[in-house]
Amino acid sequence: MNEKPLLHIVLRSVWIAAEQQGQPYKGNTFETEGFIHCSTPEQVIEVANYLYHGIDGLILLKIDPSKVTSPIRYEDAGNGKLYPHIYGPLDLEAIVGTIDFTPRADGTFAVLK
């Protein structure tokens, strides 16, 4: 994996259910928005603190962009920053790991180690 991984925030229970189905992953926005939201490692803490403050039971899916068969587009989220979006189902083979992602006591997320 030469490119930096992409990261996708998801509830562990949702990921386990999706993984057990053995079908390409669609996340919770594919049907409504037409893509799967992702972040770069540099963006994920900001995204988590904005959208997932205080939510327990999360994990990060670590995605190898070279194994993603659907188009990946970096698009402005309305804040002048470009975020990766996967425009299609995500092949399970592109998910190369998971990372436990637990908020601190104050509900915020900290830099990944």
PDB file of N, CA and C in Angstrom:
ATOM      1  N   MET A   1       0.861  -1.171   0.000  1.00  0.00           N
ATOM      2  CA  MET A   1       0.000   0.000   0.000  1.00  0.00           C
ATOM      3  C   MET A   1       0.904   1.230   0.000  1.00  0.00           C
ATOM      4  N   ASN A   2       1.043   1.878  -1.163  1.00  0.00           N
ATOM      5  CA  ASN A   2       1.899   3.047  -1.278  1.00  0.00           C
ATOM      6  C   ASN A   2       1.173   4.323  -0.891  1.00  0.00           C
ATOM      7  N   GLU A   3      -0.097   4.429  -1.238  1.00  0.00           N
ATOM      8  CA  GLU A   3      -0.889   5.598  -0.877  1.00  0.00           C
ATOM      9  C   GLU A   3      -1.259   5.513   0.601  1.00  0.00           C
ATOM     10  N   LYS A   4      -1.528   6.690   1.176  1.00  0.00           N
ATOM     11  CA  LYS A   4      -2.040   6.699   2.547  1.00  0.00           C
ATOM     12  C   LYS A   4      -3.407   6.025   2.555  1.00  0.00           C
ATOM     13  N   PRO A   5      -3.714   5.335   3.642  1.00  0.00           N
ATOM     14  CA  PRO A   5      -5.033   4.699   3.712  1.00  0.00           C
ATOM     15  C   PRO A   5      -6.130   5.751   3.845  1.00  0.00           C
ATOM     16  N   LEU A   6      -7.304   5.374   3.432  1.00  0.00           N
ATOM     17  CA  LEU A   6      -8.499   6.158   3.725  1.00  0.00           C
ATOM     18  C   LEU A   6      -9.115   5.562   4.974  1.00  0.00           C
ATOM     19  N   LEU A   7      -9.856   6.368   5.710  1.00  0.00           N
ATOM     20  CA  LEU A   7     -10.508   5.907   6.928  1.00  0.00           C
ATOM     21  C   LEU A   7     -11.996   6.198   6.842  1.00  0.00           C
ATOM     22  N   HIS A   8     -12.775   5.270   7.355  1.00  0.00           N
ATOM     23  CA  HIS A   8     -14.232   5.414   7.386  1.00  0.00           C
ATOM     24  C   HIS A   8     -14.696   5.111   8.798  1.00  0.00           C
ATOM     25  N   ILE A   9     -15.453   6.030   9.392  1.00  0.00           N
ATOM     26  CA  ILE A   9     -15.961   5.872  10.753  1.00  0.00           C
ATOM     27  C   ILE A   9     -17.289   5.122  10.696  1.00  0.00           C
ATOM     28  N   VAL A  10     -17.401   4.090  11.524  1.00  0.00           N
ATOM     29  CA  VAL A  10     -18.627   3.288  11.528  1.00  0.00           C
ATOM     30  C   VAL A  10     -18.821   2.669  12.911  1.00  0.00           C
ATOM     31  N   LEU A  11     -20.067   2.454  13.292  1.00  0.00           N
ATOM     32  CA  LEU A  11     -20.344   1.710  14.520  1.00  0.00           C
ATOM     33  C   LEU A  11     -19.869   0.274  14.347  1.00  0.00           C
ATOM     34  N   ARG A  12     -19.224  -0.238  15.364  1.00  0.00           N
ATOM     35  CA  ARG A  12     -18.720  -1.617  15.310  1.00  0.00           C
ATOM     36  C   ARG A  12     -19.838  -2.595  14.965  1.00  0.00           C
ATOM     37  N   SER A  13     -21.018  -2.426  15.555  1.00  0.00           N
ATOM     38  CA  SER A  13     -22.136  -3.347  15.308  1.00  0.00           C
ATOM     39  C   SER A  13     -22.575  -3.313  13.840  1.00  0.00           C
ATOM     40  N   VAL A  14     -22.546  -2.149  13.228  1.00  0.00           N
ATOM     41  CA  VAL A  14     -22.919  -2.019  11.820  1.00  0.00           C
ATOM     42  C   VAL A  14     -21.888  -2.730  10.948  1.00  0.00           C
ATOM     43  N   TRP A  15     -20.607  -2.544  11.272  1.00  0.00           N
ATOM     44  CA  TRP A  15     -19.548  -3.187  10.493  1.00  0.00           C
ATOM     45  C   TRP A  15     -19.617  -4.698  10.629  1.00  0.00           C
ATOM     46  N   ILE A  16     -19.834  -5.212  11.822  1.00  0.00           N
ATOM     47  CA  ILE A  16     -19.910  -6.661  12.028  1.00  0.00           C
ATOM     48  C   ILE A  16     -21.048  -7.245  11.199  1.00  0.00           C
ATOM     49  N   ALA A  17     -22.207  -6.585  11.213  1.00  0.00           N
ATOM     50  CA  ALA A  17     -23.349  -7.067  10.433  1.00  0.00           C
ATOM     51  C   ALA A  17     -23.027  -7.045   8.942  1.00  0.00           C
ATOM     52  N   ALA A  18     -22.394  -5.977   8.470  1.00  0.00           N
ATOM     53  CA  ALA A  18     -22.047  -5.869   7.049  1.00  0.00           C
ATOM     54  C   ALA A  18     -21.019  -6.925   6.658  1.00  0.00           C
ATOM     55  N   GLU A  19     -20.048  -7.131   7.509  1.00  0.00           N
ATOM     56  CA  GLU A  19     -19.000  -8.115   7.236  1.00  0.00           C
ATOM     57  C   GLU A  19     -19.581  -9.528   7.167  1.00  0.00           C
ATOM     58  N   GLN A  20     -20.529  -9.832   8.037  1.00  0.00           N
ATOM     59  CA  GLN A  20     -21.147 -11.161   8.059  1.00  0.00           C
ATOM     60  C   GLN A  20     -21.956 -11.427   6.794  1.00  0.00           C
ATOM     61  N   GLN A  21     -22.497 -10.368   6.192  1.00  0.00           N
ATOM     62  CA  GLN A  21     -23.258 -10.542   4.950  1.00  0.00           C
ATOM     63  C   GLN A  21     -22.347 -10.896   3.789  1.00  0.00           C
ATOM     64  N   GLY A  22     -21.068 -10.496   3.884  1.00  0.00           N
ATOM     65  CA  GLY A  22     -20.109 -10.838   2.845  1.00  0.00           C
ATOM     66  C   GLY A  22     -20.291 -10.086   1.536  1.00  0.00           C
ATOM     67  N   GLN A  23     -21.122  -9.074   1.551  1.00  0.00           N
ATOM     68  CA  GLN A  23     -21.375  -8.261   0.352  1.00  0.00           C
ATOM     69  C   GLN A  23     -20.513  -7.001   0.415  1.00  0.00           C
ATOM     70  N   PRO A  24     -20.273  -6.354  -0.713  1.00  0.00           N
ATOM     71  CA  PRO A  24     -19.560  -5.077  -0.663  1.00  0.00           C
ATOM     72  C   PRO A  24     -20.258  -4.112   0.300  1.00  0.00           C
ATOM     73  N   TYR A  25     -19.452  -3.345   1.010  1.00  0.00           N
ATOM     74  CA  TYR A  25     -19.935  -2.427   2.047  1.00  0.00           C
ATOM     75  C   TYR A  25     -20.470  -1.143   1.414  1.00  0.00           C
ATOM     76  N   LYS A  26     -21.624  -0.663   1.914  1.00  0.00           N
ATOM     77  CA  LYS A  26     -22.217   0.553   1.382  1.00  0.00           C
ATOM     78  C   LYS A  26     -22.325   1.670   2.414  1.00  0.00           C
ATOM     79  N   GLY A  27     -22.029   1.376   3.664  1.00  0.00           N
ATOM     80  CA  GLY A  27     -22.113   2.420   4.678  1.00  0.00           C
ATOM     81  C   GLY A  27     -23.538   2.912   4.869  1.00  0.00           C
ATOM     82  N   ASN A  28     -23.654   4.025   5.597  1.00  0.00           N
ATOM     83  CA  ASN A  28     -24.994   4.529   5.902  1.00  0.00           C
ATOM     84  C   ASN A  28     -25.417   5.685   5.001  1.00  0.00           C
ATOM     85  N   THR A  29     -24.569   6.085   4.030  1.00  0.00           N
ATOM     86  CA  THR A  29     -24.934   7.215   3.170  1.00  0.00           C
ATOM     87  C   THR A  29     -24.983   6.865   1.682  1.00  0.00           C
ATOM     88  N   PHE A  30     -24.606   5.661   1.334  1.00  0.00           N
ATOM     89  CA  PHE A  30     -24.568   5.315  -0.087  1.00  0.00           C
ATOM     90  C   PHE A  30     -25.949   5.430  -0.733  1.00  0.00           C
ATOM     91  N   GLU A  31     -26.957   4.892  -0.083  1.00  0.00           N
ATOM     92  CA  GLU A  31     -28.312   4.900  -0.652  1.00  0.00           C
ATOM     93  C   GLU A  31     -28.887   6.310  -0.718  1.00  0.00           C
ATOM     94  N   THR A  32     -28.570   7.170   0.250  1.00  0.00           N
ATOM     95  CA  THR A  32     -29.162   8.507   0.302  1.00  0.00           C
ATOM     96  C   THR A  32     -28.321   9.569  -0.412  1.00  0.00           C
ATOM     97  N   GLU A  33     -26.989   9.419  -0.409  1.00  0.00           N
ATOM     98  CA  GLU A  33     -26.118  10.442  -0.986  1.00  0.00           C
ATOM     99  C   GLU A  33     -25.350   9.961  -2.217  1.00  0.00           C
ATOM    100  N   GLY A  34     -25.323   8.648  -2.442  1.00  0.00           N
ATOM    101  CA  GLY A  34     -24.651   8.111  -3.614  1.00  0.00           C
ATOM    102  C   GLY A  34     -23.167   7.861  -3.444  1.00  0.00           C
ATOM    103  N   PHE A  35     -22.665   8.016  -2.236  1.00  0.00           N
ATOM    104  CA  PHE A  35     -21.259   7.740  -1.979  1.00  0.00           C
ATOM    105  C   PHE A  35     -21.044   7.397  -0.515  1.00  0.00           C
ATOM    106  N   ILE A  36     -19.847   6.885  -0.225  1.00  0.00           N
ATOM    107  CA  ILE A  36     -19.433   6.545   1.134  1.00  0.00           C
ATOM    108  C   ILE A  36     -18.455   7.612   1.594  1.00  0.00           C
ATOM    109  N   HIS A  37     -18.759   8.255   2.706  1.00  0.00           N
ATOM    110  CA  HIS A  37     -17.873   9.275   3.270  1.00  0.00           C
ATOM    111  C   HIS A  37     -16.611   8.639   3.848  1.00  0.00           C
ATOM    112  N   CYS A  38     -15.476   9.229   3.549  1.00  0.00           N
ATOM    113  CA  CYS A  38     -14.207   8.791   4.127  1.00  0.00           C
ATOM    114  C   CYS A  38     -13.407  10.011   4.556  1.00  0.00           C
ATOM    115  N   SER A  39     -12.292   9.755   5.200  1.00  0.00           N
ATOM    116  CA  SER A  39     -11.377  10.801   5.628  1.00  0.00           C
ATOM    117  C   SER A  39      -9.964  10.326   5.375  1.00  0.00           C
ATOM    118  N   THR A  40      -9.059  11.272   5.304  1.00  0.00           N
ATOM    119  CA  THR A  40      -7.638  10.927   5.335  1.00  0.00           C
ATOM    120  C   THR A  40      -7.256  10.810   6.805  1.00  0.00           C
ATOM    121  N   PRO A  41      -6.100  10.218   7.114  1.00  0.00           N
ATOM    122  CA  PRO A  41      -5.672  10.165   8.513  1.00  0.00           C
ATOM    123  C   PRO A  41      -5.576  11.553   9.156  1.00  0.00           C
ATOM    124  N   GLU A  42      -5.234  12.560   8.369  1.00  0.00           N
ATOM    125  CA  GLU A  42      -5.115  13.918   8.897  1.00  0.00           C
ATOM    126  C   GLU A  42      -6.475  14.553   9.186  1.00  0.00           C
ATOM    127  N   GLN A  43      -7.525  14.073   8.563  1.00  0.00           N
ATOM    128  CA  GLN A  43      -8.865  14.662   8.700  1.00  0.00           C
ATOM    129  C   GLN A  43      -9.760  13.959   9.707  1.00  0.00           C
ATOM    130  N   VAL A  44      -9.465  12.724  10.031  1.00  0.00           N
ATOM    131  CA  VAL A  44     -10.438  11.888  10.742  1.00  0.00           C
ATOM    132  C   VAL A  44     -10.794  12.413  12.132  1.00  0.00           C
ATOM    133  N   ILE A  45      -9.860  12.995  12.854  1.00  0.00           N
ATOM    134  CA  ILE A  45     -10.162  13.493  14.202  1.00  0.00           C
ATOM    135  C   ILE A  45     -11.141  14.671  14.122  1.00  0.00           C
ATOM    136  N   GLU A  46     -10.898  15.584  13.198  1.00  0.00           N
ATOM    137  CA  GLU A  46     -11.798  16.728  13.026  1.00  0.00           C
ATOM    138  C   GLU A  46     -13.206  16.252  12.659  1.00  0.00           C
ATOM    139  N   VAL A  47     -13.289  15.307  11.736  1.00  0.00           N
ATOM    140  CA  VAL A  47     -14.588  14.760  11.317  1.00  0.00           C
ATOM    141  C   VAL A  47     -15.274  14.079  12.495  1.00  0.00           C
ATOM    142  N   ALA A  48     -14.539  13.273  13.227  1.00  0.00           N
ATOM    143  CA  ALA A  48     -15.117  12.555  14.365  1.00  0.00           C
ATOM    144  C   ALA A  48     -15.638  13.515  15.430  1.00  0.00           C
ATOM    145  N   ASN A  49     -14.857  14.544  15.731  1.00  0.00           N
ATOM    146  CA  ASN A  49     -15.293  15.496  16.753  1.00  0.00           C
ATOM    147  C   ASN A  49     -16.507  16.295  16.307  1.00  0.00           C
ATOM    148  N   TYR A  50     -16.659  16.512  15.022  1.00  0.00           N
ATOM    149  CA  TYR A  50     -17.790  17.257  14.489  1.00  0.00           C
ATOM    150  C   TYR A  50     -19.054  16.391  14.415  1.00  0.00           C
ATOM    151  N   LEU A  51     -18.909  15.154  13.937  1.00  0.00           N
ATOM    152  CA  LEU A  51     -20.082  14.315  13.675  1.00  0.00           C
ATOM    153  C   LEU A  51     -20.371  13.234  14.717  1.00  0.00           C
ATOM    154  N   TYR A  52     -19.351  12.842  15.484  1.00  0.00           N
ATOM    155  CA  TYR A  52     -19.514  11.679  16.359  1.00  0.00           C
ATOM    156  C   TYR A  52     -19.161  11.974  17.818  1.00  0.00           C
ATOM    157  N   HIS A  53     -19.166  13.227  18.212  1.00  0.00           N
ATOM    158  CA  HIS A  53     -18.785  13.607  19.576  1.00  0.00           C
ATOM    159  C   HIS A  53     -19.537  12.759  20.604  1.00  0.00           C
ATOM    160  N   GLY A  54     -18.779  12.107  21.472  1.00  0.00           N
ATOM    161  CA  GLY A  54     -19.360  11.337  22.573  1.00  0.00           C
ATOM    162  C   GLY A  54     -19.958   9.995  22.211  1.00  0.00           C
ATOM    163  N   ILE A  55     -19.843   9.570  20.983  1.00  0.00           N
ATOM    164  CA  ILE A  55     -20.449   8.292  20.578  1.00  0.00           C
ATOM    165  C   ILE A  55     -19.464   7.158  20.808  1.00  0.00           C
ATOM    166  N   ASP A  56     -19.889   6.190  21.583  1.00  0.00           N
ATOM    167  CA  ASP A  56     -19.081   4.990  21.852  1.00  0.00           C
ATOM    168  C   ASP A  56     -19.398   3.914  20.828  1.00  0.00           C
ATOM    169  N   GLY A  57     -18.529   2.910  20.775  1.00  0.00           N
ATOM    170  CA  GLY A  57     -18.766   1.750  19.918  1.00  0.00           C
ATOM    171  C   GLY A  57     -18.342   1.952  18.484  1.00  0.00           C
ATOM    172  N   LEU A  58     -17.489   2.946  18.228  1.00  0.00           N
ATOM    173  CA  LEU A  58     -17.033   3.210  16.877  1.00  0.00           C
ATOM    174  C   LEU A  58     -15.728   2.487  16.560  1.00  0.00           C
ATOM    175  N   ILE A  59     -15.538   2.220  15.286  1.00  0.00           N
ATOM    176  CA  ILE A  59     -14.243   1.756  14.786  1.00  0.00           C
ATOM    177  C   ILE A  59     -13.949   2.539  13.505  1.00  0.00           C
ATOM    178  N   LEU A  60     -12.712   2.484  13.110  1.00  0.00           N
ATOM    179  CA  LEU A  60     -12.303   3.028  11.828  1.00  0.00           C
ATOM    180  C   LEU A  60     -12.021   1.869  10.896  1.00  0.00           C
ATOM    181  N   LEU A  61     -12.561   1.923   9.703  1.00  0.00           N
ATOM    182  CA  LEU A  61     -12.176   0.977   8.669  1.00  0.00           C
ATOM    183  C   LEU A  61     -10.967   1.577   7.967  1.00  0.00           C
ATOM    184  N   LYS A  62      -9.907   0.822   7.890  1.00  0.00           N
ATOM    185  CA  LYS A  62      -8.693   1.250   7.193  1.00  0.00           C
ATOM    186  C   LYS A  62      -8.776   0.696   5.778  1.00  0.00           C
ATOM    187  N   ILE A  63      -8.811   1.604   4.809  1.00  0.00           N
ATOM    188  CA  ILE A  63      -9.079   1.245   3.413  1.00  0.00           C
ATOM    189  C   ILE A  63      -7.841   1.492   2.562  1.00  0.00           C
ATOM    190  N   ASP A  64      -7.454   0.497   1.791  1.00  0.00           N
ATOM    191  CA  ASP A  64      -6.348   0.633   0.845  1.00  0.00           C
ATOM    192  C   ASP A  64      -6.931   1.184  -0.458  1.00  0.00           C
ATOM    193  N   PRO A  65      -6.633   2.456  -0.800  1.00  0.00           N
ATOM    194  CA  PRO A  65      -7.226   3.041  -2.003  1.00  0.00           C
ATOM    195  C   PRO A  65      -6.889   2.281  -3.287  1.00  0.00           C
ATOM    196  N   SER A  66      -5.747   1.612  -3.325  1.00  0.00           N
ATOM    197  CA  SER A  66      -5.365   0.886  -4.540  1.00  0.00           C
ATOM    198  C   SER A  66      -6.236  -0.346  -4.763  1.00  0.00           C
ATOM    199  N   LYS A  67      -6.975  -0.781  -3.742  1.00  0.00           N
ATOM    200  CA  LYS A  67      -7.845  -1.948  -3.857  1.00  0.00           C
ATOM    201  C   LYS A  67      -9.318  -1.583  -4.029  1.00  0.00           C
ATOM    202  N   VAL A  68      -9.619  -0.290  -4.034  1.00  0.00           N
ATOM    203  CA  VAL A  68     -10.996   0.169  -4.196  1.00  0.00           C
ATOM    204  C   VAL A  68     -11.323   0.189  -5.689  1.00  0.00           C
ATOM    205  N   THR A  69     -12.362  -0.521  -6.088  1.00  0.00           N
ATOM    206  CA  THR A  69     -12.720  -0.586  -7.509  1.00  0.00           C
ATOM    207  C   THR A  69     -13.717   0.501  -7.915  1.00  0.00           C
ATOM    208  N   SER A  70     -14.424   1.077  -6.964  1.00  0.00           N
ATOM    209  CA  SER A  70     -15.336   2.183  -7.252  1.00  0.00           C
ATOM    210  C   SER A  70     -14.531   3.480  -7.323  1.00  0.00           C
ATOM    211  N   PRO A  71     -15.028   4.471  -8.053  1.00  0.00           N
ATOM    212  CA  PRO A  71     -14.304   5.747  -8.146  1.00  0.00           C
ATOM    213  C   PRO A  71     -14.173   6.442  -6.787  1.00  0.00           C
ATOM    214  N   ILE A  72     -13.018   7.035  -6.549  1.00  0.00           N
ATOM    215  CA  ILE A  72     -12.771   7.850  -5.359  1.00  0.00           C
ATOM    216  C   ILE A  72     -12.610   9.289  -5.842  1.00  0.00           C
ATOM    217  N   ARG A  73     -13.411  10.175  -5.279  1.00  0.00           N
ATOM    218  CA  ARG A  73     -13.315  11.590  -5.638  1.00  0.00           C
ATOM    219  C   ARG A  73     -13.084  12.406  -4.373  1.00  0.00           C
ATOM    220  N   TYR A  74     -12.178  13.366  -4.461  1.00  0.00           N
ATOM    221  CA  TYR A  74     -11.941  14.295  -3.354  1.00  0.00           C
ATOM    222  C   TYR A  74     -12.782  15.532  -3.626  1.00  0.00           C
ATOM    223  N   GLU A  75     -13.725  15.806  -2.702  1.00  0.00           N
ATOM    224  CA  GLU A  75     -14.686  16.872  -2.930  1.00  0.00           C
ATOM    225  C   GLU A  75     -14.783  17.796  -1.727  1.00  0.00           C
ATOM    226  N   ASP A  76     -15.106  19.054  -2.028  1.00  0.00           N
ATOM    227  CA  ASP A  76     -15.279  20.073  -0.999  1.00  0.00           C
ATOM    228  C   ASP A  76     -16.563  19.785  -0.225  1.00  0.00           C
ATOM    229  N   ALA A  77     -16.428  19.749   1.091  1.00  0.00           N
ATOM    230  CA  ALA A  77     -17.587  19.482   1.945  1.00  0.00           C
ATOM    231  C   ALA A  77     -18.284  20.775   2.363  1.00  0.00           C
ATOM    232  N   GLY A  78     -17.956  21.870   1.680  1.00  0.00           N
ATOM    233  CA  GLY A  78     -18.568  23.145   2.011  1.00  0.00           C
ATOM    234  C   GLY A  78     -17.732  23.987   2.949  1.00  0.00           C
ATOM    235  N   ASN A  79     -16.577  23.445   3.350  1.00  0.00           N
ATOM    236  CA  ASN A  79     -15.691  24.176   4.253  1.00  0.00           C
ATOM    237  C   ASN A  79     -14.340  24.480   3.598  1.00  0.00           C
ATOM    238  N   GLY A  80     -14.261  24.268   2.294  1.00  0.00           N
ATOM    239  CA  GLY A  80     -13.015  24.526   1.582  1.00  0.00           C
ATOM    240  C   GLY A  80     -12.014  23.392   1.650  1.00  0.00           C
ATOM    241  N   LYS A  81     -12.353  22.302   2.331  1.00  0.00           N
ATOM    242  CA  LYS A  81     -11.453  21.147   2.461  1.00  0.00           C
ATOM    243  C   LYS A  81     -11.962  20.015   1.587  1.00  0.00           C
ATOM    244  N   LEU A  82     -11.039  19.281   1.002  1.00  0.00           N
ATOM    245  CA  LEU A  82     -11.394  18.160   0.131  1.00  0.00           C
ATOM    246  C   LEU A  82     -11.376  16.851   0.917  1.00  0.00           C
ATOM    247  N   TYR A  83     -12.481  16.136   0.859  1.00  0.00           N
ATOM    248  CA  TYR A  83     -12.618  14.865   1.566  1.00  0.00           C
ATOM    249  C   TYR A  83     -12.845  13.754   0.543  1.00  0.00           C
ATOM    250  N   PRO A  84     -12.281  12.570   0.804  1.00  0.00           N
ATOM    251  CA  PRO A  84     -12.484  11.458  -0.127  1.00  0.00           C
ATOM    252  C   PRO A  84     -13.875  10.850   0.002  1.00  0.00           C
ATOM    253  N   HIS A  85     -14.497  10.645  -1.149  1.00  0.00           N
ATOM    254  CA  HIS A  85     -15.797   9.983  -1.222  1.00  0.00           C
ATOM    255  C   HIS A  85     -15.675   8.812  -2.187  1.00  0.00           C
ATOM    256  N   ILE A  86     -16.205   7.675  -1.793  1.00  0.00           N
ATOM    257  CA  ILE A  86     -16.190   6.483  -2.644  1.00  0.00           C
ATOM    258  C   ILE A  86     -17.553   6.376  -3.318  1.00  0.00           C
ATOM    259  N   TYR A  87     -17.558   6.489  -4.645  1.00  0.00           N
ATOM    260  CA  TYR A  87     -18.796   6.492  -5.426  1.00  0.00           C
ATOM    261  C   TYR A  87     -19.148   5.093  -5.910  1.00  0.00           C
ATOM    262  N   GLY A  88     -19.503   4.264  -4.978  1.00  0.00           N
ATOM    263  CA  GLY A  88     -19.918   2.909  -5.280  1.00  0.00           C
ATOM    264  C   GLY A  88     -19.683   2.040  -4.066  1.00  0.00           C
ATOM    265  N   PRO A  89     -20.099   0.794  -4.133  1.00  0.00           N
ATOM    266  CA  PRO A  89     -19.857  -0.126  -3.029  1.00  0.00           C
ATOM    267  C   PRO A  89     -18.361  -0.318  -2.800  1.00  0.00           C
ATOM    268  N   LEU A  90     -18.009  -0.594  -1.566  1.00  0.00           N
ATOM    269  CA  LEU A  90     -16.619  -0.798  -1.175  1.00  0.00           C
ATOM    270  C   LEU A  90     -16.358  -2.298  -1.057  1.00  0.00           C
ATOM    271  N   ASP A  91     -15.462  -2.801  -1.887  1.00  0.00           N
ATOM    272  CA  ASP A  91     -15.099  -4.220  -1.832  1.00  0.00           C
ATOM    273  C   ASP A  91     -14.476  -4.539  -0.482  1.00  0.00           C
ATOM    274  N   LEU A  92     -14.890  -5.648   0.117  1.00  0.00           N
ATOM    275  CA  LEU A  92     -14.355  -6.030   1.427  1.00  0.00           C
ATOM    276  C   LEU A  92     -12.842  -6.212   1.382  1.00  0.00           C
ATOM    277  N   GLU A  93     -12.305  -6.615   0.230  1.00  0.00           N
ATOM    278  CA  GLU A  93     -10.862  -6.828   0.095  1.00  0.00           C
ATOM    279  C   GLU A  93     -10.080  -5.524   0.237  1.00  0.00           C
ATOM    280  N   ALA A  94     -10.730  -4.384   0.033  1.00  0.00           N
ATOM    281  CA  ALA A  94     -10.062  -3.085   0.158  1.00  0.00           C
ATOM    282  C   ALA A  94      -9.926  -2.650   1.614  1.00  0.00           C
ATOM    283  N   ILE A  95     -10.670  -3.302   2.506  1.00  0.00           N
ATOM    284  CA  ILE A  95     -10.596  -2.980   3.929  1.00  0.00           C
ATOM    285  C   ILE A  95      -9.486  -3.836   4.537  1.00  0.00           C
ATOM    286  N   VAL A  96      -8.391  -3.175   4.863  1.00  0.00           N
ATOM    287  CA  VAL A  96      -7.182  -3.897   5.285  1.00  0.00           C
ATOM    288  C   VAL A  96      -7.003  -3.928   6.795  1.00  0.00           C
ATOM    289  N   GLY A  97      -7.955  -3.389   7.533  1.00  0.00           N
ATOM    290  CA  GLY A  97      -7.878  -3.451   8.982  1.00  0.00           C
ATOM    291  C   GLY A  97      -8.937  -2.580   9.617  1.00  0.00           C
ATOM    292  N   THR A  98      -9.075  -2.741  10.923  1.00  0.00           N
ATOM    293  CA  THR A  98      -9.965  -1.894  11.711  1.00  0.00           C
ATOM    294  C   THR A  98      -9.182  -1.356  12.893  1.00  0.00           C
ATOM    295  N   ILE A  99      -9.602  -0.203  13.363  1.00  0.00           N
ATOM    296  CA  ILE A  99      -8.944   0.449  14.495  1.00  0.00           C
ATOM    297  C   ILE A  99     -10.030   0.830  15.493  1.00  0.00           C
ATOM    298  N   ASP A 100      -9.884   0.403  16.756  1.00  0.00           N
ATOM    299  CA  ASP A 100     -10.830   0.840  17.784  1.00  0.00           C
ATOM    300  C   ASP A 100     -10.773   2.354  17.875  1.00  0.00           C
ATOM    301  N   PHE A 101     -11.928   2.981  18.017  1.00  0.00           N
ATOM    302  CA  PHE A 101     -12.001   4.437  17.975  1.00  0.00           C
ATOM    303  C   PHE A 101     -12.949   4.904  19.073  1.00  0.00           C
ATOM    304  N   THR A 102     -12.401   5.130  20.245  1.00  0.00           N
ATOM    305  CA  THR A 102     -13.175   5.454  21.439  1.00  0.00           C
ATOM    306  C   THR A 102     -12.949   6.910  21.835  1.00  0.00           C
ATOM    307  N   PRO A 103     -14.016   7.637  22.135  1.00  0.00           N
ATOM    308  CA  PRO A 103     -13.828   9.018  22.578  1.00  0.00           C
ATOM    309  C   PRO A 103     -13.235   9.075  23.986  1.00  0.00           C
ATOM    310  N   ARG A 104     -12.607  10.194  24.262  1.00  0.00           N
ATOM    311  CA  ARG A 104     -12.096  10.433  25.616  1.00  0.00           C
ATOM    312  C   ARG A 104     -13.276  10.729  26.536  1.00  0.00           C
ATOM    313  N   ALA A 105     -12.997  10.897  27.833  1.00  0.00           N
ATOM    314  CA  ALA A 105     -14.045  11.136  28.828  1.00  0.00           C
ATOM    315  C   ALA A 105     -14.895  12.362  28.494  1.00  0.00           C
ATOM    316  N   ASP A 106     -14.293  13.373  27.855  1.00  0.00           N
ATOM    317  CA  ASP A 106     -15.053  14.583  27.511  1.00  0.00           C
ATOM    318  C   ASP A 106     -15.807  14.454  26.187  1.00  0.00           C
ATOM    319  N   GLY A 107     -15.748  13.275  25.564  1.00  0.00           N
ATOM    320  CA  GLY A 107     -16.484  13.029  24.343  1.00  0.00           C
ATOM    321  C   GLY A 107     -15.728  13.320  23.065  1.00  0.00           C
ATOM    322  N   THR A 108     -14.534  13.909  23.190  1.00  0.00           N
ATOM    323  CA  THR A 108     -13.743  14.230  21.992  1.00  0.00           C
ATOM    324  C   THR A 108     -12.833  13.066  21.626  1.00  0.00           C
ATOM    325  N   PHE A 109     -12.371  13.102  20.399  1.00  0.00           N
ATOM    326  CA  PHE A 109     -11.458  12.079  19.905  1.00  0.00           C
ATOM    327  C   PHE A 109     -10.058  12.674  19.852  1.00  0.00           C
ATOM    328  N   ALA A 110      -9.066  11.821  20.046  1.00  0.00           N
ATOM    329  CA  ALA A 110      -7.676  12.264  20.075  1.00  0.00           C
ATOM    330  C   ALA A 110      -6.937  11.743  18.856  1.00  0.00           C
ATOM    331  N   VAL A 111      -5.779  12.304  18.633  1.00  0.00           N
ATOM    332  CA  VAL A 111      -4.918  11.922  17.516  1.00  0.00           C
ATOM    333  C   VAL A 111      -4.618  10.433  17.587  1.00  0.00           C
ATOM    334  N   LEU A 112      -4.684   9.782  16.441  1.00  0.00           N
ATOM    335  CA  LEU A 112      -4.391   8.344  16.353  1.00  0.00           C
ATOM    336  C   LEU A 112      -2.905   8.106  16.548  1.00  0.00           C
ATOM    337  N   LYS A 113      -2.578   6.991  17.160  1.00  0.00           N
ATOM    338  CA  LYS A 113      -1.176   6.631  17.347  1.00  0.00           C
ATOM    339  C   LYS A 113      -0.804   5.475  16.471  1.00  0.00           C
TER     340      LYS A 113
END
